[in-house]
Amino acid sequence: MKTAEIVLKLIHTIETNPSSLFQIPWEDLKLCFSTELEYRAELYPAAQLQTIRQLFSERFVAIDNYLSAPDVSAITSMLKELVFALQMLPDADYTDTITRQAHFNEARLQHYVNNTIIVLGDSHVNFFSGNESLSFVPIGNDINICPNATAHPFTALHLGPCLAYHCNQTDTSTHFREKVDFLCRNFIKPNAHIICCLGEIDLRVHVFRQTVLQQRTYQDIVDDILTEYLPFLVSLKERGYLVSCWGPIASQRDVCPIDPEFPRSGTETERNLATAYFNEQLAAGCRQHHIGFLSVFKQMITEDFQTIEEYLSADHCHLSQRALTLAQPVWEKILPL
């Protein structure tokens, strides 16, 4: 229920039962108004936003004063003024659309002006933004940008929990291919450098499920994934982009408690063996098509294919910014940093 609707019901309750004044959680009501305003804050210049905040604040100060009497008529009058002011603010759905478009325009402008390197893929693109924790800002079409927290020349675009296996297909659950096509038409500048970041979810969640279901080796399943992934990379190159590929990182450790947000199949050793094979085959395919291949996977595992956890973030799944010591030398070999 929207705040305005709640307050109108409160007004009716107060008018029919004045004693209810002292049962209303006024601080919670103030928070509702504050939240409604903050939700639209990006639409207003700072001075105008402060004026609206002041309007709300003055009415609640008046209500506090009238409660000491109490003056039911004056209190309901103040509440009606607050409802009117709130109803004058843009509708929340309209605000969402404007805010997303503003974020889209700003990110696109930064990409064009600074000639940033686009990073496309699943949540692992966040590492390129410099943010330790996952940080996604919607820019429309179910696409997020990771705000850049560093001087690195990347624009990291999160397209959802996408699979390398589905990346070259249309009408999948994440609509990855359609999102890429949209970005190529409307966001990414011609001849830009694009890094694709996919595969970790395939390896952590699906490969060893499929080995059981299909009674095939993990190498066979990985080969099937790359049969889809490599043509996608080639298709980007054929559009005139400079294309590189970020190899999947070492897998979550088995000692980590199972997290429903990050399911896994197979053992830690098995997943890392499959990741090693995936990266080797992907690197070979990239060389064949003159596509750059970037990876820190080998530096993240021990000789017996255990993951070195210090390079993982607090969620035990994504790269921590502590892994920059591994990534920067790799980036410098291929990218114009």
C-alpha atoms as a PDB file:
ATOM      1  CA  MET A   1       0.000   0.000   0.000  1.00  0.00           C
ATOM      2  CA  LYS A   2       1.347   3.434  -0.929  1.00  0.00           C
ATOM      3  CA  THR A   3       2.111   6.006   1.761  1.00  0.00           C
ATOM      4  CA  ALA A   4      -0.588   8.398   0.547  1.00  0.00           C
ATOM      5  CA  GLU A   5      -3.223   5.661   0.796  1.00  0.00           C
ATOM      6  CA  ILE A   6      -2.066   4.761   4.299  1.00  0.00           C
ATOM      7  CA  VAL A   7      -2.252   8.374   5.468  1.00  0.00           C
ATOM      8  CA  LEU A   8      -5.737   8.876   4.007  1.00  0.00           C
ATOM      9  CA  LYS A   9      -6.908   5.852   5.996  1.00  0.00           C
ATOM     10  CA  LEU A  10      -5.215   7.266   9.111  1.00  0.00           C
ATOM     11  CA  ILE A  11      -7.021  10.582   8.612  1.00  0.00           C
ATOM     12  CA  HIS A  12     -10.356   8.771   8.459  1.00  0.00           C
ATOM     13  CA  THR A  13      -9.481   6.769  11.585  1.00  0.00           C
ATOM     14  CA  ILE A  14      -8.451   9.913  13.511  1.00  0.00           C
ATOM     15  CA  GLU A  15     -11.608  11.772  12.522  1.00  0.00           C
ATOM     16  CA  THR A  16     -13.843   8.917  13.635  1.00  0.00           C
ATOM     17  CA  ASN A  17     -11.803   7.977  16.703  1.00  0.00           C
ATOM     18  CA  PRO A  18      -9.627  10.880  17.992  1.00  0.00           C
ATOM     19  CA  SER A  19      -8.076   8.723  20.732  1.00  0.00           C
ATOM     20  CA  SER A  20      -6.276   6.759  18.007  1.00  0.00           C
ATOM     21  CA  LEU A  21      -3.877   9.707  17.674  1.00  0.00           C
ATOM     22  CA  PHE A  22      -1.715   8.275  20.417  1.00  0.00           C
ATOM     23  CA  GLN A  23      -1.580   4.814  18.875  1.00  0.00           C
ATOM     24  CA  ILE A  24      -0.071   5.986  15.591  1.00  0.00           C
ATOM     25  CA  PRO A  25       3.663   5.254  15.166  1.00  0.00           C
ATOM     26  CA  TRP A  26       4.545   8.791  14.078  1.00  0.00           C
ATOM     27  CA  GLU A  27       8.254   8.103  13.648  1.00  0.00           C
ATOM     28  CA  ASP A  28       7.461   5.231  11.282  1.00  0.00           C
ATOM     29  CA  LEU A  29       5.133   7.522   9.361  1.00  0.00           C
ATOM     30  CA  LYS A  30       7.903  10.121   9.029  1.00  0.00           C
ATOM     31  CA  LEU A  31      10.175   7.384   7.707  1.00  0.00           C
ATOM     32  CA  CYS A  32       7.576   6.456   5.070  1.00  0.00           C
ATOM     33  CA  PHE A  33       7.523  10.019   3.752  1.00  0.00           C
ATOM     34  CA  SER A  34      11.313  10.236   3.855  1.00  0.00           C
ATOM     35  CA  THR A  35      11.625   6.966   1.910  1.00  0.00           C
ATOM     36  CA  GLU A  36       9.118   8.108  -0.713  1.00  0.00           C
ATOM     37  CA  LEU A  37      11.150  11.266  -1.252  1.00  0.00           C
ATOM     38  CA  GLU A  38      14.562   9.591  -1.290  1.00  0.00           C
ATOM     39  CA  TYR A  39      13.247   7.153  -3.884  1.00  0.00           C
ATOM     40  CA  ARG A  40      12.766  10.133  -6.219  1.00  0.00           C
ATOM     41  CA  ALA A  41      15.771  12.159  -5.035  1.00  0.00           C
ATOM     42  CA  GLU A  42      17.728  11.785  -8.276  1.00  0.00           C
ATOM     43  CA  LEU A  43      15.013  13.674 -10.161  1.00  0.00           C
ATOM     44  CA  TYR A  44      15.589  16.944  -8.298  1.00  0.00           C
ATOM     45  CA  PRO A  45      18.382  19.512  -8.057  1.00  0.00           C
ATOM     46  CA  ALA A  46      19.829  19.657  -4.537  1.00  0.00           C
ATOM     47  CA  ALA A  47      18.134  22.952  -3.650  1.00  0.00           C
ATOM     48  CA  GLN A  48      14.695  21.770  -4.761  1.00  0.00           C
ATOM     49  CA  LEU A  49      15.112  18.484  -2.925  1.00  0.00           C
ATOM     50  CA  GLN A  50      15.991  20.363   0.252  1.00  0.00           C
ATOM     51  CA  THR A  51      12.868  22.531  -0.134  1.00  0.00           C
ATOM     52  CA  ILE A  52      10.638  19.454  -0.352  1.00  0.00           C
ATOM     53  CA  ARG A  53      12.351  17.877   2.641  1.00  0.00           C
ATOM     54  CA  GLN A  54      11.789  21.098   4.573  1.00  0.00           C
ATOM     55  CA  LEU A  55       8.094  21.094   3.659  1.00  0.00           C
ATOM     56  CA  PHE A  56       7.649  17.590   5.044  1.00  0.00           C
ATOM     57  CA  SER A  57       9.690  18.388   8.132  1.00  0.00           C
ATOM     58  CA  GLU A  58       7.726  21.540   8.974  1.00  0.00           C
ATOM     59  CA  ARG A  59       4.414  19.669   8.778  1.00  0.00           C
ATOM     60  CA  PHE A  60       5.631  16.951  11.113  1.00  0.00           C
ATOM     61  CA  VAL A  61       6.967  19.544  13.574  1.00  0.00           C
ATOM     62  CA  ALA A  62       3.515  21.148  13.530  1.00  0.00           C
ATOM     63  CA  ILE A  63       1.884  17.752  14.129  1.00  0.00           C
ATOM     64  CA  ASP A  64       4.169  17.181  17.125  1.00  0.00           C
ATOM     65  CA  ASN A  65       3.072  20.541  18.546  1.00  0.00           C
ATOM     66  CA  TYR A  66      -0.615  19.862  17.938  1.00  0.00           C
ATOM     67  CA  LEU A  67      -0.361  16.466  19.650  1.00  0.00           C
ATOM     68  CA  SER A  68       0.342  18.131  22.986  1.00  0.00           C
ATOM     69  CA  ALA A  69      -3.144  19.720  23.020  1.00  0.00           C
ATOM     70  CA  PRO A  70      -4.290  17.592  21.103  1.00  0.00           C
ATOM     71  CA  ASP A  71      -5.864  19.449  18.163  1.00  0.00           C
ATOM     72  CA  VAL A  72      -7.459  16.805  15.955  1.00  0.00           C
ATOM     73  CA  SER A  73      -8.580  19.224  13.254  1.00  0.00           C
ATOM     74  CA  ALA A  74      -5.133  20.819  12.926  1.00  0.00           C
ATOM     75  CA  ILE A  75      -3.410  17.422  12.837  1.00  0.00           C
ATOM     76  CA  THR A  76      -5.660  16.051  10.094  1.00  0.00           C
ATOM     77  CA  SER A  77      -5.161  19.324   8.180  1.00  0.00           C
ATOM     78  CA  MET A  78      -1.372  18.859   8.315  1.00  0.00           C
ATOM     79  CA  LEU A  79      -1.732  15.241   7.204  1.00  0.00           C
ATOM     80  CA  LYS A  80      -3.876  16.295   4.252  1.00  0.00           C
ATOM     81  CA  GLU A  81      -1.204  18.807   3.238  1.00  0.00           C
ATOM     82  CA  LEU A  82       1.410  16.053   3.424  1.00  0.00           C
ATOM     83  CA  VAL A  83      -0.714  13.768   1.266  1.00  0.00           C
ATOM     84  CA  PHE A  84      -1.196  16.547  -1.292  1.00  0.00           C
ATOM     85  CA  ALA A  85       2.569  17.228  -1.379  1.00  0.00           C
ATOM     86  CA  LEU A  86       3.299  13.538  -1.781  1.00  0.00           C
ATOM     87  CA  GLN A  87       0.782  13.175  -4.591  1.00  0.00           C
ATOM     88  CA  MET A  88       2.521  16.014  -6.430  1.00  0.00           C
ATOM     89  CA  LEU A  89       5.719  13.939  -6.612  1.00  0.00           C
ATOM     90  CA  PRO A  90       6.202  11.830  -9.764  1.00  0.00           C
ATOM     91  CA  ASP A  91       4.745   8.331  -9.669  1.00  0.00           C
ATOM     92  CA  ALA A  92       7.240   5.676  -8.541  1.00  0.00           C
ATOM     93  CA  ASP A  93       7.039   3.686 -11.803  1.00  0.00           C
ATOM     94  CA  TYR A  94       7.662   6.855 -13.778  1.00  0.00           C
ATOM     95  CA  THR A  95      10.595   7.646 -11.503  1.00  0.00           C
ATOM     96  CA  ASP A  96      12.123   4.218 -12.095  1.00  0.00           C
ATOM     97  CA  THR A  97      12.035   4.703 -15.841  1.00  0.00           C
ATOM     98  CA  ILE A  98      13.588   8.168 -15.692  1.00  0.00           C
ATOM     99  CA  THR A  99      16.288   7.058 -13.253  1.00  0.00           C
ATOM    100  CA  ARG A 100      17.251   4.023 -15.322  1.00  0.00           C
ATOM    101  CA  GLN A 101      17.421   6.152 -18.464  1.00  0.00           C
ATOM    102  CA  ALA A 102      19.587   8.723 -16.671  1.00  0.00           C
ATOM    103  CA  HIS A 103      21.989   6.005 -15.520  1.00  0.00           C
ATOM    104  CA  PHE A 104      22.047   4.576 -19.059  1.00  0.00           C
ATOM    105  CA  ASN A 105      22.831   7.960 -20.612  1.00  0.00           C
ATOM    106  CA  GLU A 106      25.536   8.746 -18.071  1.00  0.00           C
ATOM    107  CA  ALA A 107      27.221   5.348 -18.467  1.00  0.00           C
ATOM    108  CA  ARG A 108      27.081   5.543 -22.266  1.00  0.00           C
ATOM    109  CA  LEU A 109      28.555   9.044 -22.238  1.00  0.00           C
ATOM    110  CA  GLN A 110      31.412   7.941 -19.980  1.00  0.00           C
ATOM    111  CA  HIS A 111      32.095   4.993 -22.270  1.00  0.00           C
ATOM    112  CA  TYR A 112      32.233   7.230 -25.358  1.00  0.00           C
ATOM    113  CA  VAL A 113      34.201  10.082 -23.802  1.00  0.00           C
ATOM    114  CA  ASN A 114      36.754   7.899 -22.001  1.00  0.00           C
ATOM    115  CA  ASN A 115      36.849   5.133 -24.624  1.00  0.00           C
ATOM    116  CA  THR A 116      36.378   2.574 -21.862  1.00  0.00           C
ATOM    117  CA  ILE A 117      36.707  -1.168 -22.341  1.00  0.00           C
ATOM    118  CA  ILE A 118      33.313  -2.871 -22.118  1.00  0.00           C
ATOM    119  CA  VAL A 119      33.102  -5.935 -19.868  1.00  0.00           C
ATOM    120  CA  LEU A 120      30.000  -8.047 -20.605  1.00  0.00           C
ATOM    121  CA  GLY A 121      28.766 -11.022 -18.673  1.00  0.00           C
ATOM    122  CA  ASP A 122      27.574 -12.456 -15.382  1.00  0.00           C
ATOM    123  CA  SER A 123      28.170 -11.054 -11.890  1.00  0.00           C
ATOM    124  CA  HIS A 124      31.932 -11.643 -12.174  1.00  0.00           C
ATOM    125  CA  VAL A 125      32.148  -8.439 -14.242  1.00  0.00           C
ATOM    126  CA  ASN A 126      31.931  -6.623 -10.899  1.00  0.00           C
ATOM    127  CA  PHE A 127      35.646  -7.303 -10.286  1.00  0.00           C
ATOM    128  CA  PHE A 128      36.536  -4.943 -13.145  1.00  0.00           C
ATOM    129  CA  SER A 129      34.663  -2.071 -11.466  1.00  0.00           C
ATOM    130  CA  GLY A 130      36.933  -2.017  -8.423  1.00  0.00           C
ATOM    131  CA  ASN A 131      34.041  -2.668  -6.010  1.00  0.00           C
ATOM    132  CA  GLU A 132      34.696  -5.306  -3.370  1.00  0.00           C
ATOM    133  CA  SER A 133      31.037  -6.230  -2.970  1.00  0.00           C
ATOM    134  CA  LEU A 134      28.622  -6.747  -5.854  1.00  0.00           C
ATOM    135  CA  SER A 135      27.360  -3.320  -6.874  1.00  0.00           C
ATOM    136  CA  PHE A 136      24.703  -3.144  -9.582  1.00  0.00           C
ATOM    137  CA  VAL A 137      22.810  -0.070 -10.832  1.00  0.00           C
ATOM    138  CA  PRO A 138      19.931  -0.720 -13.279  1.00  0.00           C
ATOM    139  CA  ILE A 139      20.174   1.030 -16.655  1.00  0.00           C
ATOM    140  CA  GLY A 140      17.150  -0.587 -18.316  1.00  0.00           C
ATOM    141  CA  ASN A 141      16.426  -3.758 -20.303  1.00  0.00           C
ATOM    142  CA  ASP A 142      17.297  -5.796 -17.198  1.00  0.00           C
ATOM    143  CA  ILE A 143      20.927  -4.693 -17.561  1.00  0.00           C
ATOM    144  CA  ASN A 144      23.026  -3.280 -14.706  1.00  0.00           C
ATOM    145  CA  ILE A 145      26.193  -1.242 -14.639  1.00  0.00           C
ATOM    146  CA  CYS A 146      28.757  -1.700 -11.883  1.00  0.00           C
ATOM    147  CA  PRO A 147      29.775   1.832 -10.816  1.00  0.00           C
ATOM    148  CA  ASN A 148      33.477   2.300 -11.432  1.00  0.00           C
ATOM    149  CA  ALA A 149      35.328   2.693  -8.136  1.00  0.00           C
ATOM    150  CA  THR A 150      38.831   2.829  -9.647  1.00  0.00           C
ATOM    151  CA  ALA A 151      40.836   4.470 -12.381  1.00  0.00           C
ATOM    152  CA  HIS A 152      40.698   1.293 -14.465  1.00  0.00           C
ATOM    153  CA  PRO A 153      39.251   2.057 -17.936  1.00  0.00           C
ATOM    154  CA  PHE A 154      36.408  -0.473 -17.761  1.00  0.00           C
ATOM    155  CA  THR A 155      32.631  -0.204 -18.114  1.00  0.00           C
ATOM    156  CA  ALA A 156      31.334  -3.349 -16.417  1.00  0.00           C
ATOM    157  CA  LEU A 157      27.870  -4.423 -17.583  1.00  0.00           C
ATOM    158  CA  HIS A 158      26.047  -7.165 -15.699  1.00  0.00           C
ATOM    159  CA  LEU A 159      23.541  -8.958 -17.921  1.00  0.00           C
ATOM    160  CA  GLY A 160      22.253 -11.395 -15.307  1.00  0.00           C
ATOM    161  CA  PRO A 161      23.173 -14.958 -14.243  1.00  0.00           C
ATOM    162  CA  CYS A 162      24.086 -15.838 -17.817  1.00  0.00           C
ATOM    163  CA  LEU A 163      25.536 -19.128 -19.014  1.00  0.00           C
ATOM    164  CA  ALA A 164      28.286 -19.497 -21.582  1.00  0.00           C
ATOM    165  CA  TYR A 165      26.276 -22.450 -22.903  1.00  0.00           C
ATOM    166  CA  HIS A 166      23.315 -20.184 -23.748  1.00  0.00           C
ATOM    167  CA  CYS A 167      25.181 -17.041 -24.820  1.00  0.00           C
ATOM    168  CA  ASN A 168      24.766 -17.601 -28.551  1.00  0.00           C
ATOM    169  CA  GLN A 169      21.099 -18.554 -28.305  1.00  0.00           C
ATOM    170  CA  THR A 170      18.035 -16.319 -28.310  1.00  0.00           C
ATOM    171  CA  ASP A 171      14.928 -16.613 -26.134  1.00  0.00           C
ATOM    172  CA  THR A 172      16.739 -18.028 -23.094  1.00  0.00           C
ATOM    173  CA  SER A 173      15.687 -17.267 -19.509  1.00  0.00           C
ATOM    174  CA  THR A 174      18.254 -14.448 -19.150  1.00  0.00           C
ATOM    175  CA  HIS A 175      17.912 -13.147 -22.750  1.00  0.00           C
ATOM    176  CA  PHE A 176      21.667 -12.624 -22.828  1.00  0.00           C
ATOM    177  CA  ARG A 177      21.976 -12.561 -26.612  1.00  0.00           C
ATOM    178  CA  GLU A 178      19.128 -10.081 -26.986  1.00  0.00           C
ATOM    179  CA  LYS A 179      20.721  -7.814 -24.353  1.00  0.00           C
ATOM    180  CA  VAL A 180      24.051  -7.913 -26.173  1.00  0.00           C
ATOM    181  CA  ASP A 181      22.360  -7.053 -29.457  1.00  0.00           C
ATOM    182  CA  PHE A 182      20.598  -4.130 -27.745  1.00  0.00           C
ATOM    183  CA  LEU A 183      23.876  -2.851 -26.289  1.00  0.00           C
ATOM    184  CA  CYS A 184      25.641  -3.140 -29.635  1.00  0.00           C
ATOM    185  CA  ARG A 185      22.903  -1.032 -31.228  1.00  0.00           C
ATOM    186  CA  ASN A 186      22.438   1.527 -28.483  1.00  0.00           C
ATOM    187  CA  PHE A 187      25.360   1.652 -26.057  1.00  0.00           C
ATOM    188  CA  ILE A 188      28.715   0.265 -27.209  1.00  0.00           C
ATOM    189  CA  LYS A 189      30.664   2.516 -29.542  1.00  0.00           C
ATOM    190  CA  PRO A 190      31.885   1.108 -32.883  1.00  0.00           C
ATOM    191  CA  ASN A 191      35.231  -0.711 -32.776  1.00  0.00           C
ATOM    192  CA  ALA A 192      35.211  -0.735 -28.953  1.00  0.00           C
ATOM    193  CA  HIS A 193      37.202  -3.258 -26.956  1.00  0.00           C
ATOM    194  CA  ILE A 194      34.895  -5.851 -25.374  1.00  0.00           C
ATOM    195  CA  ILE A 195      35.857  -8.412 -22.724  1.00  0.00           C
ATOM    196  CA  CYS A 196      33.419 -11.290 -22.279  1.00  0.00           C
ATOM    197  CA  CYS A 197      33.093 -12.799 -18.817  1.00  0.00           C
ATOM    198  CA  LEU A 198      31.116 -16.048 -18.747  1.00  0.00           C
ATOM    199  CA  GLY A 199      31.514 -19.668 -17.704  1.00  0.00           C
ATOM    200  CA  GLU A 200      31.891 -19.715 -13.912  1.00  0.00           C
ATOM    201  CA  ILE A 201      28.214 -20.523 -13.375  1.00  0.00           C
ATOM    202  CA  ASP A 202      28.320 -23.292 -15.991  1.00  0.00           C
ATOM    203  CA  LEU A 203      31.312 -24.861 -14.223  1.00  0.00           C
ATOM    204  CA  ARG A 204      30.116 -24.450 -10.639  1.00  0.00           C
ATOM    205  CA  VAL A 205      26.491 -25.464 -11.139  1.00  0.00           C
ATOM    206  CA  HIS A 206      25.904 -27.410 -14.323  1.00  0.00           C
ATOM    207  CA  VAL A 207      28.896 -29.375 -15.608  1.00  0.00           C
ATOM    208  CA  PHE A 208      28.880 -32.144 -13.019  1.00  0.00           C
ATOM    209  CA  ARG A 209      25.103 -32.333 -12.957  1.00  0.00           C
ATOM    210  CA  GLN A 210      25.267 -33.022 -16.671  1.00  0.00           C
ATOM    211  CA  THR A 211      28.019 -35.623 -16.313  1.00  0.00           C
ATOM    212  CA  VAL A 212      25.606 -37.612 -14.153  1.00  0.00           C
ATOM    213  CA  LEU A 213      22.531 -36.994 -16.290  1.00  0.00           C
ATOM    214  CA  GLN A 214      24.247 -37.667 -19.606  1.00  0.00           C
ATOM    215  CA  GLN A 215      26.776 -40.274 -18.399  1.00  0.00           C
ATOM    216  CA  ARG A 216      29.567 -38.378 -20.140  1.00  0.00           C
ATOM    217  CA  THR A 217      32.896 -36.916 -19.017  1.00  0.00           C
ATOM    218  CA  TYR A 218      33.291 -33.351 -17.831  1.00  0.00           C
ATOM    219  CA  GLN A 219      35.528 -32.755 -20.851  1.00  0.00           C
ATOM    220  CA  ASP A 220      32.619 -33.650 -23.136  1.00  0.00           C
ATOM    221  CA  ILE A 221      30.286 -31.280 -21.312  1.00  0.00           C
ATOM    222  CA  VAL A 222      32.838 -28.445 -21.396  1.00  0.00           C
ATOM    223  CA  ASP A 223      33.371 -29.032 -25.128  1.00  0.00           C
ATOM    224  CA  ASP A 224      29.613 -28.638 -25.629  1.00  0.00           C
ATOM    225  CA  ILE A 225      29.672 -25.307 -23.764  1.00  0.00           C
ATOM    226  CA  LEU A 226      32.585 -23.983 -25.794  1.00  0.00           C
ATOM    227  CA  THR A 227      30.842 -25.023 -29.009  1.00  0.00           C
ATOM    228  CA  GLU A 228      28.337 -22.296 -28.099  1.00  0.00           C
ATOM    229  CA  TYR A 229      30.697 -19.771 -26.474  1.00  0.00           C
ATOM    230  CA  LEU A 230      33.399 -19.488 -29.142  1.00  0.00           C
ATOM    231  CA  PRO A 231      31.001 -18.703 -32.028  1.00  0.00           C
ATOM    232  CA  PHE A 232      29.524 -15.920 -29.876  1.00  0.00           C
ATOM    233  CA  LEU A 233      32.987 -14.402 -29.357  1.00  0.00           C
ATOM    234  CA  VAL A 234      33.686 -14.677 -33.082  1.00  0.00           C
ATOM    235  CA  SER A 235      30.350 -12.993 -33.877  1.00  0.00           C
ATOM    236  CA  LEU A 236      31.365  -9.966 -31.781  1.00  0.00           C
ATOM    237  CA  LYS A 237      34.676  -9.794 -33.627  1.00  0.00           C
ATOM    238  CA  GLU A 238      32.847  -9.919 -36.941  1.00  0.00           C
ATOM    239  CA  ARG A 239      30.890  -6.844 -35.846  1.00  0.00           C
ATOM    240  CA  GLY A 240      34.170  -4.946 -35.783  1.00  0.00           C
ATOM    241  CA  TYR A 241      34.891  -5.057 -32.058  1.00  0.00           C
ATOM    242  CA  LEU A 242      38.251  -5.848 -30.500  1.00  0.00           C
ATOM    243  CA  VAL A 243      37.343  -8.924 -28.456  1.00  0.00           C
ATOM    244  CA  SER A 244      38.968 -10.503 -25.420  1.00  0.00           C
ATOM    245  CA  CYS A 245      37.797 -13.206 -23.072  1.00  0.00           C
ATOM    246  CA  TRP A 246      38.121 -13.439 -19.262  1.00  0.00           C
ATOM    247  CA  GLY A 247      38.573 -17.058 -18.221  1.00  0.00           C
ATOM    248  CA  PRO A 248      36.478 -18.384 -15.297  1.00  0.00           C
ATOM    249  CA  ILE A 249      38.143 -18.155 -11.894  1.00  0.00           C
ATOM    250  CA  ALA A 250      38.863 -20.907  -9.366  1.00  0.00           C
ATOM    251  CA  SER A 251      35.778 -22.467  -7.846  1.00  0.00           C
ATOM    252  CA  GLN A 252      34.174 -21.995  -4.456  1.00  0.00           C
ATOM    253  CA  ARG A 253      35.751 -24.113  -1.734  1.00  0.00           C
ATOM    254  CA  ASP A 254      33.965 -27.190  -0.408  1.00  0.00           C
ATOM    255  CA  VAL A 255      34.501 -26.032   3.191  1.00  0.00           C
ATOM    256  CA  CYS A 256      32.160 -23.089   2.501  1.00  0.00           C
ATOM    257  CA  PRO A 257      28.590 -23.674   3.709  1.00  0.00           C
ATOM    258  CA  ILE A 258      26.112 -24.259   0.905  1.00  0.00           C
ATOM    259  CA  ASP A 259      24.521 -20.953  -0.102  1.00  0.00           C
ATOM    260  CA  PRO A 260      21.254 -21.151  -2.094  1.00  0.00           C
ATOM    261  CA  GLU A 261      22.422 -18.097  -4.065  1.00  0.00           C
ATOM    262  CA  PHE A 262      25.562 -19.936  -5.168  1.00  0.00           C
ATOM    263  CA  PRO A 263      24.703 -23.621  -5.657  1.00  0.00           C
ATOM    264  CA  ARG A 264      27.380 -26.066  -6.753  1.00  0.00           C
ATOM    265  CA  SER A 265      27.818 -29.600  -8.020  1.00  0.00           C
ATOM    266  CA  GLY A 266      30.882 -31.821  -8.031  1.00  0.00           C
ATOM    267  CA  THR A 267      33.773 -31.411  -5.614  1.00  0.00           C
ATOM    268  CA  GLU A 268      36.124 -28.450  -5.370  1.00  0.00           C
ATOM    269  CA  THR A 269      38.877 -30.462  -7.055  1.00  0.00           C
ATOM    270  CA  GLU A 270      36.557 -31.652  -9.818  1.00  0.00           C
ATOM    271  CA  ARG A 271      35.270 -28.150 -10.515  1.00  0.00           C
ATOM    272  CA  ASN A 272      38.794 -26.752 -10.677  1.00  0.00           C
ATOM    273  CA  LEU A 273      39.910 -29.565 -12.981  1.00  0.00           C
ATOM    274  CA  ALA A 274      36.972 -28.758 -15.246  1.00  0.00           C
ATOM    275  CA  THR A 275      37.797 -25.039 -15.055  1.00  0.00           C
ATOM    276  CA  ALA A 276      41.412 -25.760 -16.008  1.00  0.00           C
ATOM    277  CA  TYR A 277      40.240 -27.737 -19.030  1.00  0.00           C
ATOM    278  CA  PHE A 278      37.669 -25.050 -19.916  1.00  0.00           C
ATOM    279  CA  ASN A 279      40.323 -22.309 -19.835  1.00  0.00           C
ATOM    280  CA  GLU A 280      42.865 -24.347 -21.791  1.00  0.00           C
ATOM    281  CA  GLN A 281      40.385 -25.105 -24.554  1.00  0.00           C
ATOM    282  CA  LEU A 282      38.987 -21.585 -24.544  1.00  0.00           C
ATOM    283  CA  ALA A 283      42.494 -20.097 -24.778  1.00  0.00           C
ATOM    284  CA  ALA A 284      43.264 -22.357 -27.725  1.00  0.00           C
ATOM    285  CA  GLY A 285      40.060 -21.351 -29.488  1.00  0.00           C
ATOM    286  CA  CYS A 286      40.764 -17.683 -28.829  1.00  0.00           C
ATOM    287  CA  ARG A 287      44.254 -18.000 -30.308  1.00  0.00           C
ATOM    288  CA  GLN A 288      42.821 -19.632 -33.401  1.00  0.00           C
ATOM    289  CA  HIS A 289      40.467 -16.695 -33.949  1.00  0.00           C
ATOM    290  CA  HIS A 290      42.917 -13.984 -32.817  1.00  0.00           C
ATOM    291  CA  ILE A 291      40.861 -13.169 -29.725  1.00  0.00           C
ATOM    292  CA  GLY A 292      42.628 -12.112 -26.532  1.00  0.00           C
ATOM    293  CA  PHE A 293      42.486 -14.482 -23.560  1.00  0.00           C
ATOM    294  CA  LEU A 294      42.896 -13.236 -19.982  1.00  0.00           C
ATOM    295  CA  SER A 295      42.986 -15.410 -16.884  1.00  0.00           C
ATOM    296  CA  VAL A 296      44.196 -15.518 -13.280  1.00  0.00           C
ATOM    297  CA  PHE A 297      42.914 -19.039 -12.701  1.00  0.00           C
ATOM    298  CA  LYS A 298      46.312 -20.776 -12.491  1.00  0.00           C
ATOM    299  CA  GLN A 299      47.497 -18.342  -9.802  1.00  0.00           C
ATOM    300  CA  MET A 300      44.374 -19.097  -7.746  1.00  0.00           C
ATOM    301  CA  ILE A 301      44.861 -22.832  -7.247  1.00  0.00           C
ATOM    302  CA  THR A 302      47.341 -25.103  -5.489  1.00  0.00           C
ATOM    303  CA  GLU A 303      49.155 -28.004  -7.149  1.00  0.00           C
ATOM    304  CA  ASP A 304      46.355 -30.352  -6.079  1.00  0.00           C
ATOM    305  CA  PHE A 305      43.661 -28.090  -7.566  1.00  0.00           C
ATOM    306  CA  GLN A 306      42.432 -26.544  -4.329  1.00  0.00           C
ATOM    307  CA  THR A 307      41.284 -22.914  -4.406  1.00  0.00           C
ATOM    308  CA  ILE A 308      43.417 -20.296  -2.643  1.00  0.00           C
ATOM    309  CA  GLU A 309      40.649 -18.595  -0.718  1.00  0.00           C
ATOM    310  CA  GLU A 310      42.445 -15.311  -0.015  1.00  0.00           C
ATOM    311  CA  TYR A 311      41.618 -14.184  -3.546  1.00  0.00           C
ATOM    312  CA  LEU A 312      37.876 -14.675  -3.083  1.00  0.00           C
ATOM    313  CA  SER A 313      35.481 -12.074  -1.715  1.00  0.00           C
ATOM    314  CA  ALA A 314      33.332 -12.479   1.399  1.00  0.00           C
ATOM    315  CA  ASP A 315      30.704 -14.435  -0.560  1.00  0.00           C
ATOM    316  CA  HIS A 316      33.380 -17.092  -1.326  1.00  0.00           C
ATOM    317  CA  CYS A 317      32.397 -17.051  -4.995  1.00  0.00           C
ATOM    318  CA  HIS A 318      33.560 -13.814  -6.656  1.00  0.00           C
ATOM    319  CA  LEU A 319      37.016 -12.297  -6.939  1.00  0.00           C
ATOM    320  CA  SER A 320      38.098  -9.981  -4.164  1.00  0.00           C
ATOM    321  CA  GLN A 321      39.928  -6.776  -5.031  1.00  0.00           C
ATOM    322  CA  ARG A 322      42.867  -8.486  -3.311  1.00  0.00           C
ATOM    323  CA  ALA A 323      43.241 -10.374  -6.591  1.00  0.00           C
ATOM    324  CA  LEU A 324      44.238  -7.156  -8.368  1.00  0.00           C
ATOM    325  CA  THR A 325      47.860  -8.166  -7.760  1.00  0.00           C
ATOM    326  CA  LEU A 326      47.157 -11.143 -10.025  1.00  0.00           C
ATOM    327  CA  ALA A 327      44.995  -9.339 -12.577  1.00  0.00           C
ATOM    328  CA  GLN A 328      46.967  -6.195 -13.305  1.00  0.00           C
ATOM    329  CA  PRO A 329      50.010  -7.934 -14.836  1.00  0.00           C
ATOM    330  CA  VAL A 330      47.623  -9.963 -17.020  1.00  0.00           C
ATOM    331  CA  TRP A 331      45.712  -6.866 -18.114  1.00  0.00           C
ATOM    332  CA  GLU A 332      48.906  -4.975 -18.910  1.00  0.00           C
ATOM    333  CA  LYS A 333      50.085  -7.624 -21.352  1.00  0.00           C
ATOM    334  CA  ILE A 334      47.049  -7.261 -23.592  1.00  0.00           C
ATOM    335  CA  LEU A 335      45.128  -4.106 -22.775  1.00  0.00           C
ATOM    336  CA  PRO A 336      46.199  -0.490 -23.302  1.00  0.00           C
ATOM    337  CA  LEU A 337      46.086   0.438 -19.610  1.00  0.00           C
END
